[in-house]
Structure formats: structure tokens, C-alpha cells
């Protein structure tokens, strides 16, 4: 099932989490990697942004990884150059 394209401005808004460290990681990915990513990675990013802040911060700070392989791979990519 194909999903409708996500508005990049909506993604930018969802990247703003109120925690500067998390905002920087998410916005940096959106600005530098999102457009070149394949559709499955773009969908994983949109799904990642649906997570609760505490869960997302645990993943981004290295205190765990998502069970989903696509999300886990994306988290690793996001944190690789942090």
C-alpha cells in the first residue's frame, strides 16, 4: 500500500521536540539526508517522528534500539555522526 507523500514542512514541525539535542539530530537528518533517502527510509523517518519523546530520546542517546529493523537502521544512521 502506497502512502501519500509527506509534506517536508510537516516533518520539520514534528522534528521540533523541545529538547535541543534531539531537535539538532532530527533536523540535521531532514536537511542533509532526507531528500536523498529511498522511500522506505523516508517512511521510517516519518514513523520515527511518531514516537514518544522519552522513547525517541532513549534510542537517540544509545540506551536502546527499536525492534523494527528499518527504524533501528535509521537510528544508527542518525547517531553515527552526532
Protein backbone atom coordinates (compact mmCIF):
# COMPACT_ATOMS: atom_id res chain seq x y z
CA UNK A 1 0.00 0.00 0.00
CA UNK A 2 1.48 3.35 -1.05
CA UNK A 3 1.32 6.19 1.38
CA UNK A 4 0.80 9.79 0.32
CA UNK A 5 3.98 11.84 0.22
CA UNK A 6 4.71 13.59 3.48
CA UNK A 7 4.94 17.36 3.46
CA UNK A 8 8.52 18.25 4.38
CA UNK A 9 7.31 21.29 6.35
CA UNK A 10 5.13 18.99 8.45
CA UNK A 11 8.16 16.79 9.11
CA UNK A 12 10.19 19.86 10.10
CA UNK A 13 7.50 20.81 12.60
CA UNK A 14 7.46 17.27 14.05
CA UNK A 15 11.28 17.36 14.41
CA UNK A 16 10.92 20.14 16.96
CA UNK A 17 10.68 18.20 20.19
CA UNK A 18 11.67 20.81 22.76
CA UNK A 19 14.98 19.14 23.58
CA UNK A 20 17.80 20.86 21.73
CA UNK A 21 19.94 17.75 21.33
CA UNK A 22 17.09 15.79 19.80
CA UNK A 23 15.99 18.72 17.61
CA UNK A 24 19.52 19.04 16.21
CA UNK A 25 19.80 15.34 15.31
CA UNK A 26 16.39 15.18 13.67
CA UNK A 27 16.63 18.47 11.79
CA UNK A 28 20.16 17.71 10.58
CA UNK A 29 18.91 14.44 9.07
CA UNK A 30 15.92 16.18 7.49
CA UNK A 31 18.09 18.90 5.96
CA UNK A 32 21.01 16.78 4.78
CA UNK A 33 19.81 13.22 4.15
CA UNK A 34 16.03 13.02 3.81
CA UNK A 35 15.77 14.08 0.16
CA UNK A 36 18.37 11.50 -0.94
CA UNK A 37 16.87 8.68 1.13
CA UNK A 38 14.81 5.99 -0.52
CA UNK A 39 11.09 5.75 0.12
CA UNK A 40 11.37 3.13 2.86
CA UNK A 41 13.87 5.26 4.79
CA UNK A 42 11.68 8.35 4.39
CA UNK A 43 8.73 6.35 5.73
CA UNK A 44 10.87 5.11 8.63
CA UNK A 45 11.78 8.73 9.45
CA UNK A 46 8.10 9.73 9.48
CA UNK A 47 7.37 6.74 11.74
CA UNK A 48 10.29 7.65 13.99
CA UNK A 49 8.78 11.10 14.49
CA UNK A 50 5.56 9.49 15.75
CA UNK A 51 7.32 8.03 18.79
CA UNK A 52 7.01 9.45 22.29
CA UNK A 53 9.83 11.81 23.26
CA UNK A 54 11.17 9.61 26.06
CA UNK A 55 11.34 6.53 23.81
CA UNK A 56 12.88 8.51 20.97
CA UNK A 57 15.48 10.05 23.28
CA UNK A 58 16.43 6.62 24.64
CA UNK A 59 17.06 5.44 21.08
CA UNK A 60 18.96 8.55 20.00
CA UNK A 61 21.10 8.59 23.14
CA UNK A 62 22.13 4.95 22.73
CA UNK A 63 20.08 3.47 25.56
CA UNK A 64 18.27 1.10 23.25
CA UNK A 65 17.19 0.46 19.71
CA UNK A 66 13.78 -0.04 18.13
CA UNK A 67 12.64 -3.60 17.48
CA UNK A 68 11.80 -2.66 13.90
CA UNK A 69 14.84 -3.20 11.66
CA UNK A 70 14.16 -0.15 9.45
CA UNK A 71 13.81 2.13 12.47
CA UNK A 72 16.87 0.63 14.11
CA UNK A 73 18.97 1.19 10.98
CA UNK A 74 17.75 4.79 10.77
CA UNK A 75 18.53 5.47 14.44
CA UNK A 76 22.05 4.19 13.86
CA UNK A 77 22.40 6.46 10.86
CA UNK A 78 21.10 9.47 12.82
CA UNK A 79 23.51 8.94 15.67
CA UNK A 80 26.56 7.88 13.65
CA UNK A 81 27.88 11.42 13.24
CA UNK A 82 26.44 13.07 16.32
